[in-house]
C-alpha atoms as a PDB file:
ATOM      1  CA  MET A   1     -12.378 -13.509  16.257  1.00  0.00           C
ATOM      2  CA  THR A   2     -14.915 -15.749  15.797  1.00  0.00           C
ATOM      3  CA  THR A   3     -16.548 -12.535  14.789  1.00  0.00           C
ATOM      4  CA  ILE A   4     -14.769 -11.512  12.111  1.00  0.00           C
ATOM      5  CA  HIS A   5     -14.240 -15.454  10.641  1.00  0.00           C
ATOM      6  CA  ALA A   6     -18.375 -15.232  10.954  1.00  0.00           C
ATOM      7  CA  ASN A   7     -17.905 -12.279   8.803  1.00  0.00           C
ATOM      8  CA  PRO A   8     -15.200 -10.995   7.451  1.00  0.00           C
ATOM      9  CA  ALA A   9     -16.725  -8.721   4.347  1.00  0.00           C
ATOM     10  CA  HIS A  10     -17.952  -6.426   7.163  1.00  0.00           C
ATOM     11  CA  ARG A  11     -16.530  -3.316   7.044  1.00  0.00           C
ATOM     12  CA  TRP A  12     -14.964  -3.565  10.464  1.00  0.00           C
ATOM     13  CA  THR A  13     -13.382  -1.265  12.871  1.00  0.00           C
ATOM     14  CA  ILE A  14     -11.973  -1.031  15.988  1.00  0.00           C
ATOM     15  CA  ALA A  15     -14.180   0.776  17.506  1.00  0.00           C
ATOM     16  CA  GLY A  16     -17.288  -1.770  16.746  1.00  0.00           C
ATOM     17  CA  LEU A  17     -14.981  -5.089  17.479  1.00  0.00           C
ATOM     18  CA  ALA A  18     -14.349  -3.171  20.755  1.00  0.00           C
ATOM     19  CA  GLN A  19     -17.522  -2.255  21.781  1.00  0.00           C
ATOM     20  CA  ARG A  20     -18.360  -6.283  20.809  1.00  0.00           C
ATOM     21  CA  SER A  21     -15.897  -7.143  23.347  1.00  0.00           C
ATOM     22  CA  ASN A  22     -16.644  -4.424  26.224  1.00  0.00           C
ATOM     23  CA  LEU A  23     -13.113  -3.225  25.919  1.00  0.00           C
ATOM     24  CA  SER A  24     -12.229   0.930  24.892  1.00  0.00           C
ATOM     25  CA  ARG A  25     -10.550   0.604  21.339  1.00  0.00           C
ATOM     26  CA  SER A  26      -7.298   1.198  22.795  1.00  0.00           C
ATOM     27  CA  ALA A  27      -7.820  -2.470  24.999  1.00  0.00           C
ATOM     28  CA  PHE A  28      -9.326  -4.680  22.364  1.00  0.00           C
ATOM     29  CA  ALA A  29      -6.203  -3.214  20.138  1.00  0.00           C
ATOM     30  CA  ASP A  30      -3.501  -4.003  22.103  1.00  0.00           C
ATOM     31  CA  ARG A  31      -4.914  -7.582  23.861  1.00  0.00           C
ATOM     32  CA  PHE A  32      -5.918  -8.292  20.243  1.00  0.00           C
ATOM     33  CA  THR A  33      -2.114  -7.754  18.730  1.00  0.00           C
ATOM     34  CA  ARG A  34      -0.707  -9.744  22.304  1.00  0.00           C
ATOM     35  CA  ARG A  35      -2.867 -12.721  21.401  1.00  0.00           C
ATOM     36  CA  VAL A  36      -2.597 -12.613  17.709  1.00  0.00           C
ATOM     37  CA  GLY A  37       0.376 -10.807  16.855  1.00  0.00           C
ATOM     38  CA  GLU A  38      -0.669  -8.196  14.873  1.00  0.00           C
ATOM     39  CA  ALA A  39      -3.251  -5.501  14.430  1.00  0.00           C
ATOM     40  CA  PRO A  40      -6.884  -6.320  14.103  1.00  0.00           C
ATOM     41  CA  ALA A  41      -6.722  -4.625  10.391  1.00  0.00           C
ATOM     42  CA  THR A  42      -3.318  -6.650   9.543  1.00  0.00           C
ATOM     43  CA  TYR A  43      -5.313  -9.508  10.128  1.00  0.00           C
ATOM     44  CA  ILE A  44      -8.780  -8.762   9.055  1.00  0.00           C
ATOM     45  CA  ALA A  45      -7.182  -7.793   5.443  1.00  0.00           C
ATOM     46  CA  GLN A  46      -5.327 -11.264   4.640  1.00  0.00           C
ATOM     47  CA  LEU A  47      -8.398 -13.430   6.270  1.00  0.00           C
ATOM     48  CA  ARG A  48      -9.901 -11.832   2.783  1.00  0.00           C
ATOM     49  CA  LEU A  49      -6.631 -12.146   0.889  1.00  0.00           C
ATOM     50  CA  ALA A  50      -7.094 -15.722   2.241  1.00  0.00           C
ATOM     51  CA  ASN A  51     -10.508 -16.174   1.341  1.00  0.00           C
ATOM     52  CA  ALA A  52     -10.252 -14.314  -1.863  1.00  0.00           C
ATOM     53  CA  ALA A  53      -7.061 -17.273  -2.842  1.00  0.00           C
ATOM     54  CA  SER A  54      -9.448 -20.307  -1.464  1.00  0.00           C
ATOM     55  CA  LEU A  55     -12.401 -18.949  -3.813  1.00  0.00           C
ATOM     56  CA  LEU A  56     -10.022 -18.697  -6.621  1.00  0.00           C
ATOM     57  CA  LEU A  57      -8.648 -22.047  -6.225  1.00  0.00           C
ATOM     58  CA  GLU A  58     -11.718 -23.950  -6.175  1.00  0.00           C
ATOM     59  CA  THR A  59     -13.575 -21.982  -7.906  1.00  0.00           C
ATOM     60  CA  ARG A  60     -14.011 -20.914 -11.947  1.00  0.00           C
ATOM     61  CA  GLU A  61     -14.670 -17.126 -11.216  1.00  0.00           C
ATOM     62  CA  PRO A  62     -13.387 -14.480 -12.669  1.00  0.00           C
ATOM     63  CA  VAL A  63     -10.924 -12.913 -10.430  1.00  0.00           C
ATOM     64  CA  ASN A  64     -13.129  -9.415  -9.964  1.00  0.00           C
ATOM     65  CA  VAL A  65     -16.068 -11.567  -8.993  1.00  0.00           C
ATOM     66  CA  VAL A  66     -13.880 -13.341  -6.342  1.00  0.00           C
ATOM     67  CA  ALA A  67     -12.620  -9.313  -5.506  1.00  0.00           C
ATOM     68  CA  THR A  68     -16.524  -8.172  -5.014  1.00  0.00           C
ATOM     69  CA  MET A  69     -17.291 -11.391  -2.785  1.00  0.00           C
ATOM     70  CA  VAL A  70     -14.224 -11.080  -0.438  1.00  0.00           C
ATOM     71  CA  ALA A  71     -14.805  -6.791  -0.133  1.00  0.00           C
ATOM     72  CA  THR A  72     -15.896  -4.797   2.215  1.00  0.00           C
ATOM     73  CA  SER A  73     -19.392  -2.826   1.378  1.00  0.00           C
ATOM     74  CA  ARG A  74     -17.851   0.655   0.259  1.00  0.00           C
ATOM     75  CA  LYS A  75     -14.620   1.390  -0.885  1.00  0.00           C
ATOM     76  CA  GLN A  76     -11.538   1.530   0.553  1.00  0.00           C
ATOM     77  CA  PRO A  77      -9.415   4.401   0.873  1.00  0.00           C
ATOM     78  CA  SER A  78      -7.308   5.567  -1.440  1.00  0.00           C
ATOM     79  CA  ALA A  79      -4.474   5.656   1.243  1.00  0.00           C
ATOM     80  CA  ALA A  80      -4.557   1.552   1.582  1.00  0.00           C
ATOM     81  CA  PRO A  81      -2.495  -0.597   0.449  1.00  0.00           C
ATOM     82  CA  SER A  82      -3.311  -2.344  -2.899  1.00  0.00           C
ATOM     83  CA  ALA A  83      -4.525  -5.702  -2.674  1.00  0.00           C
ATOM     84  CA  SER A  84      -2.062  -6.635  -4.998  1.00  0.00           C
ATOM     85  CA  ALA A  85       0.655  -4.906  -2.284  1.00  0.00           C
ATOM     86  CA  THR A  86      -0.743  -7.072   0.473  1.00  0.00           C
ATOM     87  CA  ALA A  87      -1.226 -10.205  -1.035  1.00  0.00           C
ATOM     88  CA  CYS A  88       2.464 -10.518  -2.314  1.00  0.00           C
ATOM     89  CA  ARG A  89       3.200  -9.814   1.392  1.00  0.00           C
ATOM     90  CA  LEU A  90       1.381 -12.922   2.406  1.00  0.00           C
ATOM     91  CA  PRO A  91       2.999 -14.135   5.758  1.00  0.00           C
ATOM     92  CA  ASP A  92       4.418 -18.075   5.337  1.00  0.00           C
ATOM     93  CA  GLY A  93       1.340 -18.524   7.947  1.00  0.00           C
ATOM     94  CA  GLY A  94       1.320 -19.441  11.437  1.00  0.00           C
ATOM     95  CA  ALA A  95      -0.654 -20.612  14.861  1.00  0.00           C
ATOM     96  CA  SER A  96      -2.443 -16.953  14.554  1.00  0.00           C
ATOM     97  CA  THR A  97      -2.921 -15.849  10.757  1.00  0.00           C
ATOM     98  CA  PRO A  98      -5.350 -17.741   8.951  1.00  0.00           C
ATOM     99  CA  ALA A  99      -4.390 -20.556   6.535  1.00  0.00           C
ATOM    100  CA  VAL A 100      -2.751 -19.980   3.361  1.00  0.00           C
ATOM    101  CA  PRO A 101      -1.698 -22.876   0.676  1.00  0.00           C
ATOM    102  CA  SER A 102       1.934 -22.101  -0.267  1.00  0.00           C
ATOM    103  CA  ARG A 103       1.054 -21.837  -3.913  1.00  0.00           C
ATOM    104  CA  VAL A 104      -0.656 -18.905  -3.335  1.00  0.00           C
ATOM    105  CA  ARG A 105       1.378 -16.937  -1.017  1.00  0.00           C
ATOM    106  CA  ARG A 106       2.976 -15.819  -4.590  1.00  0.00           C
ATOM    107  CA  CYS A 107       1.599 -12.359  -6.589  1.00  0.00           C
ATOM    108  CA  PRO A 108      -1.184 -11.898  -7.799  1.00  0.00           C
ATOM    109  CA  GLN A 109      -0.426 -12.492 -11.375  1.00  0.00           C
ATOM    110  CA  LYS A 110       0.634 -16.830  -9.746  1.00  0.00           C
ATOM    111  CA  LEU A 111      -3.062 -16.771  -8.096  1.00  0.00           C
ATOM    112  CA  ARG A 112      -4.791 -15.749 -11.998  1.00  0.00           C
ATOM    113  CA  SER A 113      -2.643 -18.747 -13.353  1.00  0.00           C
ATOM    114  CA  HIS A 114      -4.285 -21.116 -10.986  1.00  0.00           C
ATOM    115  CA  GLN A 115      -7.926 -20.353 -11.664  1.00  0.00           C
ATOM    116  CA  ASP A 116      -7.981 -21.734 -15.620  1.00  0.00           C
ATOM    117  CA  LYS A 117      -6.896 -24.911 -14.288  1.00  0.00           C
END
């Protein structure tokens, strides 16, 4: 968790995180999911979205600039869900999920309206 939070924009892989943890990929994924309550990729995506939401609320940066600030360095596969689709499904929060203000848990259109305030 510390490694992920230290650099959430890094293009993390299960293999890379497992290697850092001295575990096999399957053992890492199983332990992570049991302890956190969701798969590593889901957690990382939600962390990035929470960081983006905070930046949109706390800065005057446009959405496209914030997106590049929190995105991985390489283009995501086209089969991956879009950030806006994922943002509409952010959890209400909990001990294992990144904190997301309640007003940010709405769809991205709502995020953009807060940017100008």
